[in-house]
Amino acid sequence: MTMPYADGGSPVIPAPELTLPALRQAVATVTPSRLPEFFEDPQRAFVRAGDEDSVVPIRMFYRQWGVIVGIERHPETARRLHAAEQAVNSQDPEGREKATCWKDSRKRRGRKRNG
């Protein structure tokens, strides 16, 4: 079931099944620039699964890309996430501080509710 998002935007595609063909199509649709990464990851997952004699790396591949597609299919959510990632990784100490300061964000949210 798809849950509503606070940004009010509808997903650009339905949630795909966690299968290689469905995820490949979804990645090609919502974040085509990440297709090379998508094609490399299953290779690594299968090698690691063989090394570890475990299916966990393969399951983690599907979950990881399911989450990526889950975010990217909501453009406004993806935009906000990428902006936050850029702020956290910024060379500007003030920008990083704003992005990571939990206390200030609580104060701002409190003012909006009470003000």
N, C-alpha and C. Protein backbone atom coordinates (compact mmCIF):
# COMPACT_ATOMS: atom_id res chain seq x y z
N MET A 1 0.85 -1.18 0.00
CA MET A 1 0.00 0.00 0.00
C MET A 1 0.89 1.24 0.00
N THR A 2 0.51 2.22 -0.77
CA THR A 2 1.24 3.48 -0.82
C THR A 2 0.66 4.43 0.21
N MET A 3 1.55 5.00 1.02
CA MET A 3 1.11 5.95 2.05
C MET A 3 1.23 7.37 1.50
N PRO A 4 0.32 8.27 1.91
CA PRO A 4 0.42 9.66 1.44
C PRO A 4 1.66 10.33 2.03
N TYR A 5 2.22 11.27 1.29
CA TYR A 5 3.40 12.00 1.72
C TYR A 5 3.03 13.43 2.01
N ALA A 6 3.77 14.03 2.93
CA ALA A 6 3.49 15.40 3.36
C ALA A 6 3.67 16.41 2.25
N ASP A 7 4.51 16.10 1.24
CA ASP A 7 4.74 17.08 0.18
C ASP A 7 3.53 17.21 -0.75
N GLY A 8 2.55 16.34 -0.59
CA GLY A 8 1.33 16.45 -1.38
C GLY A 8 1.47 15.96 -2.80
N GLY A 9 2.68 15.63 -3.22
CA GLY A 9 2.89 15.17 -4.58
C GLY A 9 2.58 13.69 -4.71
N SER A 10 2.07 13.34 -5.86
CA SER A 10 1.81 11.94 -6.14
C SER A 10 3.08 11.29 -6.66
N PRO A 11 3.26 10.01 -6.40
CA PRO A 11 4.44 9.34 -6.95
C PRO A 11 4.37 9.33 -8.47
N VAL A 12 5.53 9.44 -9.11
CA VAL A 12 5.55 9.46 -10.57
C VAL A 12 5.36 8.08 -11.18
N ILE A 13 5.64 7.04 -10.39
CA ILE A 13 5.39 5.67 -10.81
C ILE A 13 4.87 4.91 -9.59
N PRO A 14 4.16 3.81 -9.81
CA PRO A 14 3.76 2.97 -8.67
C PRO A 14 4.99 2.30 -8.06
N ALA A 15 4.86 1.86 -6.83
CA ALA A 15 5.96 1.15 -6.18
C ALA A 15 6.23 -0.14 -6.96
N PRO A 16 7.47 -0.36 -7.36
CA PRO A 16 7.78 -1.58 -8.12
C PRO A 16 7.92 -2.78 -7.20
N GLU A 17 7.78 -3.95 -7.79
CA GLU A 17 8.11 -5.17 -7.06
C GLU A 17 9.62 -5.19 -6.86
N LEU A 18 10.06 -5.89 -5.84
CA LEU A 18 11.50 -5.98 -5.58
C LEU A 18 12.10 -7.13 -6.39
N THR A 19 12.03 -6.97 -7.71
CA THR A 19 12.66 -7.91 -8.64
C THR A 19 13.61 -7.12 -9.51
N LEU A 20 14.60 -7.80 -10.07
CA LEU A 20 15.58 -7.11 -10.88
C LEU A 20 14.95 -6.38 -12.07
N PRO A 21 14.07 -7.02 -12.85
CA PRO A 21 13.48 -6.30 -13.98
C PRO A 21 12.63 -5.10 -13.55
N ALA A 22 11.84 -5.27 -12.50
CA ALA A 22 10.98 -4.16 -12.05
C ALA A 22 11.80 -3.01 -11.50
N LEU A 23 12.83 -3.31 -10.73
CA LEU A 23 13.69 -2.25 -10.20
C LEU A 23 14.48 -1.57 -11.31
N ARG A 24 14.96 -2.35 -12.27
CA ARG A 24 15.70 -1.76 -13.40
C ARG A 24 14.82 -0.76 -14.13
N GLN A 25 13.58 -1.13 -14.42
CA GLN A 25 12.66 -0.22 -15.11
C GLN A 25 12.38 1.02 -14.27
N ALA A 26 12.19 0.83 -12.96
CA ALA A 26 11.91 1.96 -12.07
C ALA A 26 13.10 2.91 -12.00
N VAL A 27 14.30 2.37 -11.87
CA VAL A 27 15.50 3.21 -11.81
C VAL A 27 15.65 3.98 -13.12
N ALA A 28 15.41 3.31 -14.25
CA ALA A 28 15.51 3.96 -15.55
C ALA A 28 14.51 5.11 -15.67
N THR A 29 13.39 4.99 -14.99
CA THR A 29 12.35 6.01 -15.06
C THR A 29 12.60 7.17 -14.11
N VAL A 30 12.91 6.87 -12.85
CA VAL A 30 12.96 7.94 -11.85
C VAL A 30 14.35 8.50 -11.59
N THR A 31 15.39 7.75 -11.88
CA THR A 31 16.75 8.25 -11.66
C THR A 31 17.72 7.59 -12.64
N PRO A 32 17.54 7.87 -13.93
CA PRO A 32 18.36 7.20 -14.95
C PRO A 32 19.86 7.43 -14.80
N SER A 33 20.26 8.51 -14.18
CA SER A 33 21.69 8.76 -13.99
C SER A 33 22.34 7.73 -13.08
N ARG A 34 21.53 6.99 -12.34
CA ARG A 34 22.08 5.99 -11.41
C ARG A 34 22.07 4.58 -12.00
N LEU A 35 21.68 4.44 -13.28
CA LEU A 35 21.67 3.11 -13.89
C LEU A 35 23.03 2.41 -13.86
N PRO A 36 24.14 3.10 -14.16
CA PRO A 36 25.43 2.40 -14.08
C PRO A 36 25.69 1.81 -12.69
N GLU A 37 25.38 2.57 -11.67
CA GLU A 37 25.52 2.08 -10.29
C GLU A 37 24.61 0.89 -10.05
N PHE A 38 23.38 1.00 -10.55
CA PHE A 38 22.41 -0.10 -10.39
C PHE A 38 22.94 -1.38 -11.04
N PHE A 39 23.57 -1.27 -12.21
CA PHE A 39 24.07 -2.46 -12.90
C PHE A 39 25.31 -3.05 -12.23
N GLU A 40 26.09 -2.23 -11.55
CA GLU A 40 27.28 -2.72 -10.86
C GLU A 40 26.93 -3.40 -9.53
N ASP A 41 25.94 -2.89 -8.84
CA ASP A 41 25.61 -3.39 -7.51
C ASP A 41 25.23 -4.87 -7.45
N PRO A 42 24.42 -5.40 -8.38
CA PRO A 42 24.11 -6.83 -8.25
C PRO A 42 25.33 -7.71 -8.44
N GLN A 43 26.27 -7.26 -9.29
CA GLN A 43 27.50 -8.04 -9.46
C GLN A 43 28.24 -8.16 -8.13
N ARG A 44 28.38 -7.02 -7.46
CA ARG A 44 29.05 -7.02 -6.15
C ARG A 44 28.28 -7.87 -5.14
N ALA A 45 26.95 -7.76 -5.17
CA ALA A 45 26.12 -8.51 -4.22
C ALA A 45 26.29 -10.01 -4.43
N PHE A 46 26.31 -10.44 -5.69
CA PHE A 46 26.46 -11.87 -5.96
C PHE A 46 27.85 -12.38 -5.58
N VAL A 47 28.87 -11.59 -5.84
CA VAL A 47 30.23 -11.99 -5.44
C VAL A 47 30.30 -12.09 -3.92
N ARG A 48 29.77 -11.09 -3.25
CA ARG A 48 29.79 -11.10 -1.78
C ARG A 48 28.97 -12.27 -1.23
N ALA A 49 27.84 -12.56 -1.86
CA ALA A 49 27.01 -13.69 -1.42
C ALA A 49 27.79 -14.99 -1.55
N GLY A 50 28.54 -15.12 -2.64
CA GLY A 50 29.35 -16.33 -2.81
C GLY A 50 30.46 -16.40 -1.78
N ASP A 51 31.10 -15.27 -1.53
CA ASP A 51 32.19 -15.23 -0.54
C ASP A 51 31.70 -15.57 0.86
N GLU A 52 30.49 -15.07 1.17
CA GLU A 52 29.95 -15.25 2.52
C GLU A 52 29.06 -16.48 2.64
N ASP A 53 28.81 -17.13 1.52
CA ASP A 53 27.89 -18.27 1.49
C ASP A 53 26.56 -17.89 2.13
N SER A 54 26.02 -16.75 1.66
CA SER A 54 24.81 -16.19 2.24
C SER A 54 24.02 -15.44 1.17
N VAL A 55 22.70 -15.43 1.30
CA VAL A 55 21.86 -14.66 0.38
C VAL A 55 21.61 -13.24 0.89
N VAL A 56 22.11 -12.94 2.08
CA VAL A 56 21.87 -11.62 2.67
C VAL A 56 22.34 -10.48 1.77
N PRO A 57 23.53 -10.53 1.16
CA PRO A 57 23.93 -9.42 0.29
C PRO A 57 22.95 -9.21 -0.88
N ILE A 58 22.39 -10.27 -1.40
CA ILE A 58 21.43 -10.14 -2.50
C ILE A 58 20.14 -9.50 -2.00
N ARG A 59 19.67 -9.93 -0.86
CA ARG A 59 18.47 -9.31 -0.28
C ARG A 59 18.70 -7.84 0.02
N MET A 60 19.88 -7.50 0.51
CA MET A 60 20.19 -6.11 0.82
C MET A 60 20.23 -5.27 -0.45
N PHE A 61 20.70 -5.83 -1.55
CA PHE A 61 20.68 -5.13 -2.83
C PHE A 61 19.25 -4.74 -3.19
N TYR A 62 18.34 -5.71 -3.12
CA TYR A 62 16.94 -5.42 -3.47
C TYR A 62 16.34 -4.39 -2.52
N ARG A 63 16.60 -4.51 -1.24
CA ARG A 63 16.06 -3.54 -0.28
C ARG A 63 16.63 -2.15 -0.51
N GLN A 64 17.94 -2.07 -0.71
CA GLN A 64 18.59 -0.77 -0.93
C GLN A 64 17.97 -0.06 -2.14
N TRP A 65 17.85 -0.77 -3.24
CA TRP A 65 17.31 -0.13 -4.45
C TRP A 65 15.81 0.09 -4.34
N GLY A 66 15.11 -0.73 -3.57
CA GLY A 66 13.70 -0.46 -3.31
C GLY A 66 13.52 0.84 -2.55
N VAL A 67 14.40 1.11 -1.61
CA VAL A 67 14.36 2.38 -0.86
C VAL A 67 14.71 3.55 -1.78
N ILE A 68 15.75 3.39 -2.57
CA ILE A 68 16.14 4.48 -3.49
C ILE A 68 14.98 4.83 -4.42
N VAL A 69 14.38 3.82 -5.02
CA VAL A 69 13.24 4.07 -5.91
C VAL A 69 12.07 4.64 -5.13
N GLY A 70 11.85 4.13 -3.92
CA GLY A 70 10.76 4.64 -3.08
C GLY A 70 10.87 6.13 -2.82
N ILE A 71 12.08 6.61 -2.66
CA ILE A 71 12.30 8.04 -2.45
C ILE A 71 12.20 8.79 -3.78
N GLU A 72 12.90 8.31 -4.78
CA GLU A 72 12.98 9.03 -6.06
C GLU A 72 11.65 9.10 -6.80
N ARG A 73 10.73 8.20 -6.52
CA ARG A 73 9.44 8.27 -7.22
C ARG A 73 8.55 9.39 -6.70
N HIS A 74 8.99 10.03 -5.61
CA HIS A 74 8.34 11.22 -5.05
C HIS A 74 9.30 12.39 -5.25
N PRO A 75 9.17 13.13 -6.36
CA PRO A 75 10.18 14.14 -6.71
C PRO A 75 10.44 15.18 -5.62
N GLU A 76 9.44 15.67 -4.95
CA GLU A 76 9.66 16.69 -3.93
C GLU A 76 10.41 16.11 -2.73
N THR A 77 10.06 14.90 -2.34
CA THR A 77 10.78 14.23 -1.25
C THR A 77 12.24 14.03 -1.64
N ALA A 78 12.47 13.57 -2.86
CA ALA A 78 13.84 13.34 -3.34
C ALA A 78 14.62 14.66 -3.38
N ARG A 79 13.98 15.72 -3.85
CA ARG A 79 14.64 17.03 -3.91
C ARG A 79 15.08 17.47 -2.52
N ARG A 80 14.17 17.34 -1.53
CA ARG A 80 14.51 17.76 -0.17
C ARG A 80 15.63 16.90 0.41
N LEU A 81 15.58 15.60 0.16
CA LEU A 81 16.63 14.71 0.66
C LEU A 81 17.98 15.09 0.06
N HIS A 82 18.03 15.31 -1.25
CA HIS A 82 19.30 15.64 -1.89
C HIS A 82 19.82 16.99 -1.42
N ALA A 83 18.93 17.94 -1.17
CA ALA A 83 19.35 19.24 -0.63
C ALA A 83 19.95 19.06 0.76
N ALA A 84 19.32 18.21 1.58
CA ALA A 84 19.84 17.96 2.92
C ALA A 84 21.20 17.25 2.86
N GLU A 85 21.33 16.30 1.94
CA GLU A 85 22.61 15.60 1.78
C GLU A 85 23.72 16.58 1.38
N GLN A 86 23.39 17.48 0.46
CA GLN A 86 24.39 18.48 0.04
C GLN A 86 24.76 19.40 1.19
N ALA A 87 23.77 19.80 1.99
CA ALA A 87 24.06 20.68 3.12
C ALA A 87 24.95 19.98 4.15
N VAL A 88 24.66 18.74 4.44
CA VAL A 88 25.46 17.98 5.42
C VAL A 88 26.89 17.81 4.93
N ASN A 89 27.05 17.62 3.64
CA ASN A 89 28.39 17.41 3.07
C ASN A 89 29.07 18.71 2.64
N SER A 90 28.47 19.83 2.95
CA SER A 90 28.99 21.13 2.55
C SER A 90 30.32 21.43 3.23
N GLN A 91 31.16 22.17 2.52
CA GLN A 91 32.41 22.64 3.11
C GLN A 91 32.16 23.84 4.02
N ASP A 92 31.00 24.45 3.88
CA ASP A 92 30.63 25.62 4.68
C ASP A 92 30.18 25.16 6.07
N PRO A 93 30.93 25.49 7.12
CA PRO A 93 30.57 25.04 8.47
C PRO A 93 29.18 25.50 8.90
N GLU A 94 28.79 26.71 8.50
CA GLU A 94 27.48 27.23 8.89
C GLU A 94 26.36 26.41 8.22
N GLY A 95 26.55 26.08 6.96
CA GLY A 95 25.56 25.26 6.25
C GLY A 95 25.43 23.88 6.87
N ARG A 96 26.57 23.27 7.22
CA ARG A 96 26.56 21.96 7.88
C ARG A 96 25.87 22.05 9.23
N GLU A 97 26.16 23.10 9.97
CA GLU A 97 25.57 23.28 11.30
C GLU A 97 24.06 23.39 11.19
N LYS A 98 23.58 24.17 10.25
CA LYS A 98 22.13 24.31 10.06
C LYS A 98 21.49 22.97 9.71
N ALA A 99 22.16 22.19 8.87
CA ALA A 99 21.61 20.92 8.41
C ALA A 99 21.59 19.87 9.51
N THR A 100 22.49 19.99 10.48
CA THR A 100 22.61 18.94 11.48
C THR A 100 22.17 19.37 12.88
N CYS A 101 21.71 20.58 13.04
CA CYS A 101 21.39 21.07 14.37
C CYS A 101 19.96 20.70 14.76
N TRP A 102 19.83 19.60 15.45
CA TRP A 102 18.53 19.09 15.87
C TRP A 102 17.82 20.06 16.80
N LYS A 103 18.56 20.65 17.73
CA LYS A 103 17.97 21.55 18.72
C LYS A 103 17.31 22.75 18.03
N ASP A 104 17.99 23.36 17.08
CA ASP A 104 17.42 24.50 16.36
C ASP A 104 16.19 24.11 15.57
N SER A 105 16.21 22.92 14.97
CA SER A 105 15.05 22.51 14.18
C SER A 105 13.85 22.28 15.09
N ARG A 106 14.07 21.79 16.30
CA ARG A 106 12.97 21.63 17.25
C ARG A 106 12.40 22.99 17.63
N LYS A 107 13.26 23.97 17.83
CA LYS A 107 12.79 25.32 18.18
C LYS A 107 11.96 25.89 17.05
N ARG A 108 12.44 25.73 15.81
CA ARG A 108 11.70 26.27 14.66
C ARG A 108 10.34 25.60 14.54
N ARG A 109 10.27 24.29 14.71
CA ARG A 109 8.99 23.58 14.62
C ARG A 109 8.06 24.03 15.73
N GLY A 110 8.60 24.23 16.93
CA GLY A 110 7.78 24.68 18.07
C GLY A 110 7.18 26.05 17.82
N ARG A 111 7.95 26.93 17.22
CA ARG A 111 7.45 28.28 16.92
C ARG A 111 6.30 28.21 15.91
N LYS A 112 6.41 27.34 14.94
CA LYS A 112 5.36 27.23 13.93
C LYS A 112 4.06 26.74 14.55
N ARG A 113 4.16 25.82 15.48
CA ARG A 113 2.95 25.28 16.13
C ARG A 113 2.33 26.30 17.08
N ASN A 114 3.21 26.97 17.82
CA ASN A 114 2.70 27.88 18.86
C ASN A 114 2.46 29.29 18.34
N GLY A 115 3.04 29.62 17.20
CA GLY A 115 2.99 30.99 16.74
C GLY A 115 2.06 31.24 15.67
